[in-house]
């Protein structure tokens, strides 16, 4: 692993810890319930995608939360900068992680196929 990759992973790890702290410091109680699954930072560390756990929210709530998170993004970035003493924070974009649900659907399809074969 190169030094640049190590720095990238370190930044991802720090953001994964700091973003929930920042969300809990906000006045909106709905944002306190959001769980961060993963953070992926771009090579230049100028952008970061924050993947959220969709399990407890329906599609309407997810859209509402994404709007709230986008409004709160500058506050969250500011919290991260101040906490770490960074000159700038990666620009955060929020998405609900659909990977786990897709994996479950695929497993269900495999089980269905297995039953049909037998």
N, C-alpha and C. Protein backbone atom coordinates (compact mmCIF):
# COMPACT_ATOMS: atom_id res chain seq x y z
N UNK A 1 0.85 -1.17 0.00
CA UNK A 1 0.00 0.00 0.00
C UNK A 1 0.90 1.24 0.00
N UNK A 2 0.60 2.16 -0.89
CA UNK A 2 1.42 3.37 -0.98
C UNK A 2 1.02 4.37 0.09
N UNK A 3 1.85 5.38 0.25
CA UNK A 3 1.57 6.41 1.26
C UNK A 3 0.28 7.16 0.95
N UNK A 4 0.04 7.41 -0.34
CA UNK A 4 -1.19 8.11 -0.75
C UNK A 4 -2.43 7.29 -0.40
N UNK A 5 -2.35 5.97 -0.61
CA UNK A 5 -3.48 5.10 -0.29
C UNK A 5 -3.73 5.06 1.21
N UNK A 6 -2.65 5.08 1.99
CA UNK A 6 -2.78 5.08 3.44
C UNK A 6 -3.47 6.36 3.90
N UNK A 7 -3.06 7.50 3.35
CA UNK A 7 -3.69 8.77 3.70
C UNK A 7 -5.17 8.78 3.34
N UNK A 8 -5.48 8.20 2.18
CA UNK A 8 -6.86 8.13 1.73
C UNK A 8 -7.70 7.29 2.69
N UNK A 9 -7.19 6.13 3.07
CA UNK A 9 -7.90 5.26 4.01
C UNK A 9 -8.05 5.92 5.38
N UNK A 10 -7.03 6.63 5.81
CA UNK A 10 -7.08 7.33 7.09
C UNK A 10 -8.17 8.40 7.06
N UNK A 11 -8.24 9.15 5.96
CA UNK A 11 -9.26 10.18 5.81
C UNK A 11 -10.66 9.56 5.82
N UNK A 12 -10.83 8.43 5.12
CA UNK A 12 -12.12 7.74 5.10
C UNK A 12 -12.51 7.30 6.51
N UNK A 13 -11.56 6.75 7.23
CA UNK A 13 -11.82 6.28 8.59
C UNK A 13 -12.20 7.43 9.52
N UNK A 14 -11.47 8.53 9.41
CA UNK A 14 -11.76 9.69 10.26
C UNK A 14 -13.16 10.23 9.96
N UNK A 15 -13.48 10.36 8.68
CA UNK A 15 -14.80 10.87 8.31
C UNK A 15 -15.92 9.93 8.75
N UNK A 16 -15.67 8.64 8.70
CA UNK A 16 -16.68 7.67 9.13
C UNK A 16 -17.01 7.83 10.61
N UNK A 17 -16.03 8.27 11.39
CA UNK A 17 -16.26 8.52 12.82
C UNK A 17 -16.84 9.91 13.07
N UNK A 18 -16.35 10.91 12.34
CA UNK A 18 -16.74 12.28 12.60
C UNK A 18 -18.15 12.63 12.12
N UNK A 19 -18.57 12.08 11.00
CA UNK A 19 -19.88 12.44 10.45
C UNK A 19 -21.02 12.09 11.41
N UNK A 20 -21.05 10.89 12.02
CA UNK A 20 -22.11 10.64 13.01
C UNK A 20 -22.04 11.60 14.21
N UNK A 21 -20.83 11.96 14.63
CA UNK A 21 -20.69 12.94 15.72
C UNK A 21 -21.29 14.28 15.31
N UNK A 22 -20.99 14.70 14.08
CA UNK A 22 -21.52 15.97 13.57
C UNK A 22 -23.04 15.91 13.47
N UNK A 23 -23.57 14.79 13.01
CA UNK A 23 -25.03 14.65 12.90
C UNK A 23 -25.69 14.71 14.26
N UNK A 24 -25.05 14.13 15.26
CA UNK A 24 -25.64 14.14 16.61
C UNK A 24 -25.58 15.53 17.24
N UNK A 25 -24.70 16.39 16.75
CA UNK A 25 -24.61 17.74 17.31
C UNK A 25 -25.63 18.69 16.69
N UNK A 26 -26.31 18.26 15.62
CA UNK A 26 -27.31 19.11 14.97
C UNK A 26 -28.63 19.06 15.74
N UNK A 27 -29.47 20.07 15.52
CA UNK A 27 -30.74 20.16 16.23
C UNK A 27 -31.82 19.25 15.67
N UNK A 28 -31.65 18.75 14.46
CA UNK A 28 -32.66 17.90 13.82
C UNK A 28 -32.55 16.47 14.33
N UNK A 29 -33.53 16.02 15.11
CA UNK A 29 -33.48 14.68 15.70
C UNK A 29 -33.56 13.57 14.66
N UNK A 30 -34.17 13.84 13.50
CA UNK A 30 -34.26 12.81 12.46
C UNK A 30 -32.87 12.42 11.96
N UNK A 31 -31.96 13.38 11.94
CA UNK A 31 -30.61 13.11 11.44
C UNK A 31 -29.78 12.32 12.46
N UNK A 32 -30.21 12.31 13.71
CA UNK A 32 -29.48 11.55 14.73
C UNK A 32 -29.61 10.05 14.49
N UNK A 33 -30.68 9.63 13.81
CA UNK A 33 -30.96 8.21 13.60
C UNK A 33 -30.24 7.63 12.39
N UNK A 34 -29.60 8.46 11.59
CA UNK A 34 -28.96 8.00 10.36
C UNK A 34 -27.62 7.33 10.69
N UNK A 35 -27.42 6.13 10.13
CA UNK A 35 -26.17 5.39 10.35
C UNK A 35 -25.29 5.46 9.11
N UNK A 36 -24.03 5.78 9.31
CA UNK A 36 -23.06 5.83 8.22
C UNK A 36 -22.48 4.43 8.03
N UNK A 37 -22.64 3.89 6.83
CA UNK A 37 -22.15 2.55 6.53
C UNK A 37 -20.71 2.61 6.05
N UNK A 38 -20.45 3.54 5.14
CA UNK A 38 -19.12 3.62 4.54
C UNK A 38 -18.88 5.02 3.99
N UNK A 39 -17.62 5.40 3.91
CA UNK A 39 -17.23 6.67 3.30
C UNK A 39 -16.14 6.36 2.27
N UNK A 40 -16.34 6.84 1.05
CA UNK A 40 -15.35 6.68 -0.02
C UNK A 40 -14.87 8.06 -0.44
N UNK A 41 -13.57 8.29 -0.30
CA UNK A 41 -12.97 9.58 -0.62
C UNK A 41 -12.27 9.47 -1.98
N UNK A 42 -12.38 10.53 -2.80
CA UNK A 42 -11.74 10.55 -4.11
C UNK A 42 -10.22 10.63 -3.94
N UNK A 43 -9.49 10.33 -5.01
CA UNK A 43 -8.02 10.31 -4.95
C UNK A 43 -7.43 11.63 -4.45
N UNK A 44 -7.97 12.73 -4.92
CA UNK A 44 -7.44 14.03 -4.51
C UNK A 44 -7.96 14.51 -3.17
N UNK A 45 -8.80 13.70 -2.54
CA UNK A 45 -9.43 14.00 -1.26
C UNK A 45 -10.24 15.29 -1.29
N UNK A 46 -10.80 15.61 -2.47
CA UNK A 46 -11.62 16.81 -2.58
C UNK A 46 -13.11 16.47 -2.47
N UNK A 47 -13.47 15.22 -2.73
CA UNK A 47 -14.86 14.78 -2.65
C UNK A 47 -14.94 13.49 -1.85
N UNK A 48 -16.08 13.30 -1.20
CA UNK A 48 -16.31 12.07 -0.45
C UNK A 48 -17.78 11.67 -0.56
N UNK A 49 -18.01 10.40 -0.85
CA UNK A 49 -19.37 9.86 -0.86
C UNK A 49 -19.62 9.18 0.47
N UNK A 50 -20.71 9.55 1.09
CA UNK A 50 -21.08 8.99 2.38
C UNK A 50 -22.26 8.07 2.15
N UNK A 51 -22.07 6.79 2.41
CA UNK A 51 -23.12 5.80 2.22
C UNK A 51 -23.84 5.57 3.55
N UNK A 52 -25.17 5.65 3.49
CA UNK A 52 -26.00 5.56 4.69
C UNK A 52 -26.81 4.27 4.68
N UNK A 53 -27.17 3.80 5.86
CA UNK A 53 -27.95 2.57 6.02
C UNK A 53 -29.43 2.85 5.74
N UNK A 54 -30.02 2.21 4.72
CA UNK A 54 -31.41 2.48 4.35
C UNK A 54 -32.44 1.63 5.08
N UNK A 55 -32.01 0.72 5.96
CA UNK A 55 -32.91 -0.29 6.52
C UNK A 55 -34.12 0.27 7.26
N UNK A 56 -33.99 1.37 7.95
CA UNK A 56 -35.07 1.85 8.81
C UNK A 56 -35.95 2.90 8.15
N UNK A 57 -35.71 3.20 6.87
CA UNK A 57 -36.42 4.28 6.22
C UNK A 57 -37.05 3.81 4.91
N UNK A 58 -38.28 4.27 4.67
CA UNK A 58 -38.88 4.00 3.37
C UNK A 58 -38.37 5.04 2.37
N UNK A 59 -38.78 4.89 1.12
CA UNK A 59 -38.23 5.75 0.06
C UNK A 59 -38.55 7.23 0.28
N UNK A 60 -39.74 7.52 0.76
CA UNK A 60 -40.14 8.91 1.01
C UNK A 60 -39.27 9.52 2.11
N UNK A 61 -39.07 8.79 3.19
CA UNK A 61 -38.21 9.27 4.28
C UNK A 61 -36.77 9.43 3.83
N UNK A 62 -36.29 8.52 2.99
CA UNK A 62 -34.93 8.62 2.47
C UNK A 62 -34.74 9.91 1.70
N UNK A 63 -35.70 10.24 0.83
CA UNK A 63 -35.60 11.48 0.06
C UNK A 63 -35.62 12.70 0.97
N UNK A 64 -36.46 12.67 1.98
CA UNK A 64 -36.53 13.79 2.93
C UNK A 64 -35.21 13.93 3.70
N UNK A 65 -34.66 12.80 4.12
CA UNK A 65 -33.39 12.85 4.85
C UNK A 65 -32.24 13.34 3.97
N UNK A 66 -32.22 12.92 2.72
CA UNK A 66 -31.17 13.38 1.81
C UNK A 66 -31.24 14.90 1.62
N UNK A 67 -32.45 15.44 1.54
CA UNK A 67 -32.59 16.89 1.43
C UNK A 67 -32.07 17.58 2.67
N UNK A 68 -32.41 17.04 3.85
CA UNK A 68 -31.94 17.62 5.11
C UNK A 68 -30.41 17.53 5.22
N UNK A 69 -29.86 16.40 4.80
CA UNK A 69 -28.41 16.23 4.86
C UNK A 69 -27.70 17.19 3.91
N UNK A 70 -28.27 17.41 2.75
CA UNK A 70 -27.66 18.35 1.81
C UNK A 70 -27.70 19.77 2.35
N UNK A 71 -28.76 20.11 3.09
CA UNK A 71 -28.83 21.42 3.73
C UNK A 71 -27.80 21.54 4.85
N UNK A 72 -27.60 20.45 5.57
CA UNK A 72 -26.70 20.45 6.71
C UNK A 72 -25.24 20.20 6.32
N UNK A 73 -24.99 19.89 5.05
CA UNK A 73 -23.64 19.55 4.59
C UNK A 73 -22.57 20.56 4.99
N UNK A 74 -22.79 21.87 4.80
CA UNK A 74 -21.74 22.82 5.21
C UNK A 74 -21.42 22.76 6.71
N UNK A 75 -22.44 22.54 7.53
CA UNK A 75 -22.21 22.43 8.98
C UNK A 75 -21.41 21.18 9.32
N UNK A 76 -21.72 20.08 8.63
CA UNK A 76 -21.01 18.82 8.88
C UNK A 76 -19.55 18.95 8.45
N UNK A 77 -19.33 19.55 7.27
CA UNK A 77 -17.96 19.74 6.79
C UNK A 77 -17.18 20.66 7.73
N UNK A 78 -17.82 21.71 8.21
CA UNK A 78 -17.18 22.64 9.13
C UNK A 78 -16.80 21.93 10.44
N UNK A 79 -17.69 21.07 10.92
CA UNK A 79 -17.42 20.30 12.14
C UNK A 79 -16.17 19.43 11.95
N UNK A 80 -16.10 18.76 10.81
CA UNK A 80 -14.95 17.87 10.52
C UNK A 80 -13.65 18.68 10.42
N UNK A 81 -13.72 19.83 9.75
CA UNK A 81 -12.51 20.67 9.61
C UNK A 81 -12.01 21.14 10.96
N UNK A 82 -12.92 21.63 11.78
CA UNK A 82 -12.52 22.16 13.09
C UNK A 82 -11.98 21.06 13.99
N UNK A 83 -12.63 19.89 13.96
CA UNK A 83 -12.21 18.79 14.83
C UNK A 83 -10.82 18.30 14.47
N UNK A 84 -10.52 18.21 13.18
CA UNK A 84 -9.24 17.66 12.74
C UNK A 84 -8.19 18.73 12.47
N UNK A 85 -8.59 20.01 12.46
CA UNK A 85 -7.64 21.08 12.16
C UNK A 85 -7.25 21.11 10.69
N UNK A 86 -8.15 20.60 9.83
CA UNK A 86 -7.89 20.58 8.40
C UNK A 86 -8.07 21.97 7.81
N UNK A 87 -7.35 22.23 6.72
CA UNK A 87 -7.51 23.48 5.98
C UNK A 87 -8.83 23.46 5.21
N UNK A 88 -9.17 22.28 4.68
CA UNK A 88 -10.46 22.11 4.01
C UNK A 88 -10.91 20.66 4.19
N UNK A 89 -12.20 20.49 4.03
CA UNK A 89 -12.81 19.16 4.18
C UNK A 89 -13.28 18.71 2.81
N UNK A 90 -13.25 17.41 2.52
CA UNK A 90 -13.82 16.95 1.25
C UNK A 90 -15.30 17.34 1.15
N UNK A 91 -15.74 17.64 -0.05
CA UNK A 91 -17.15 17.95 -0.27
C UNK A 91 -17.94 16.65 -0.13
N UNK A 92 -18.86 16.63 0.79
CA UNK A 92 -19.61 15.41 1.09
C UNK A 92 -20.86 15.30 0.22
N UNK A 93 -21.09 14.10 -0.29
CA UNK A 93 -22.36 13.79 -0.96
C UNK A 93 -22.92 12.55 -0.26
N UNK A 94 -24.21 12.57 -0.03
CA UNK A 94 -24.86 11.51 0.73
C UNK A 94 -25.71 10.64 -0.18
N UNK A 95 -25.63 9.31 0.05
CA UNK A 95 -26.42 8.33 -0.69
C UNK A 95 -26.80 7.21 0.27
N UNK A 96 -27.96 6.62 0.02
CA UNK A 96 -28.31 5.43 0.78
C UNK A 96 -27.71 4.23 0.08
N UNK A 97 -27.09 3.35 0.85
CA UNK A 97 -26.37 2.19 0.31
C UNK A 97 -27.36 1.09 -0.05
N UNK A 98 -27.48 0.81 -1.33
CA UNK A 98 -28.40 -0.22 -1.80
C UNK A 98 -27.69 -1.55 -2.01
N UNK A 99 -26.40 -1.61 -1.76
CA UNK A 99 -25.61 -2.82 -2.01
C UNK A 99 -26.14 -4.01 -1.20
N UNK A 100 -26.43 -3.80 0.07
CA UNK A 100 -26.89 -4.89 0.93
C UNK A 100 -28.22 -5.44 0.44
N UNK A 101 -29.14 -4.56 0.05
CA UNK A 101 -30.44 -5.00 -0.45
C UNK A 101 -30.29 -5.77 -1.75
N UNK A 102 -29.40 -5.33 -2.62
CA UNK A 102 -29.17 -6.04 -3.88
C UNK A 102 -28.61 -7.43 -3.61
N UNK A 103 -27.71 -7.52 -2.66
CA UNK A 103 -27.13 -8.81 -2.30
C UNK A 103 -28.20 -9.75 -1.77
N UNK A 104 -29.11 -9.23 -0.95
CA UNK A 104 -30.20 -10.06 -0.42
C UNK A 104 -31.10 -10.55 -1.55
N UNK A 105 -31.41 -9.70 -2.50
CA UNK A 105 -32.26 -10.10 -3.63
C UNK A 105 -31.59 -11.20 -4.44
N UNK A 106 -30.30 -11.07 -4.67
CA UNK A 106 -29.57 -12.08 -5.44
C UNK A 106 -29.58 -13.42 -4.70
N UNK A 107 -29.37 -13.37 -3.39
CA UNK A 107 -29.39 -14.61 -2.61
C UNK A 107 -30.78 -15.26 -2.66
N UNK A 108 -31.84 -14.44 -2.59
CA UNK A 108 -33.20 -14.97 -2.69
C UNK A 108 -33.43 -15.63 -4.04
N UNK A 109 -32.92 -15.02 -5.11
CA UNK A 109 -33.05 -15.61 -6.44
C UNK A 109 -32.32 -16.94 -6.54
N UNK A 110 -31.13 -17.01 -5.95
CA UNK A 110 -30.39 -18.27 -5.96
C UNK A 110 -31.14 -19.36 -5.19
N UNK A 111 -31.75 -19.01 -4.08
CA UNK A 111 -32.52 -19.98 -3.32
C UNK A 111 -33.73 -20.46 -4.11
N UNK A 112 -34.36 -19.53 -4.80
CA UNK A 112 -35.52 -19.86 -5.63
C UNK A 112 -35.12 -20.81 -6.76
N UNK A 113 -34.01 -20.53 -7.39
CA UNK A 113 -33.50 -21.38 -8.47
C UNK A 113 -33.14 -22.76 -7.93
N UNK A 114 -32.53 -22.80 -6.77
CA UNK A 114 -32.16 -24.08 -6.15
C UNK A 114 -33.38 -24.93 -5.88
N UNK A 115 -34.47 -24.31 -5.39
CA UNK A 115 -35.69 -25.05 -5.11
C UNK A 115 -36.31 -25.60 -6.41
N UNK A 116 -36.25 -24.80 -7.48
CA UNK A 116 -36.82 -25.22 -8.75
C UNK A 116 -36.05 -26.37 -9.37
N UNK A 117 -34.76 -26.39 -9.14
CA UNK A 117 -33.90 -27.45 -9.68
C UNK A 117 -34.18 -28.78 -8.97
N UNK A 118 -34.42 -28.72 -7.69
CA UNK A 118 -34.61 -29.95 -6.91
C UNK A 118 -35.93 -30.55 -7.16
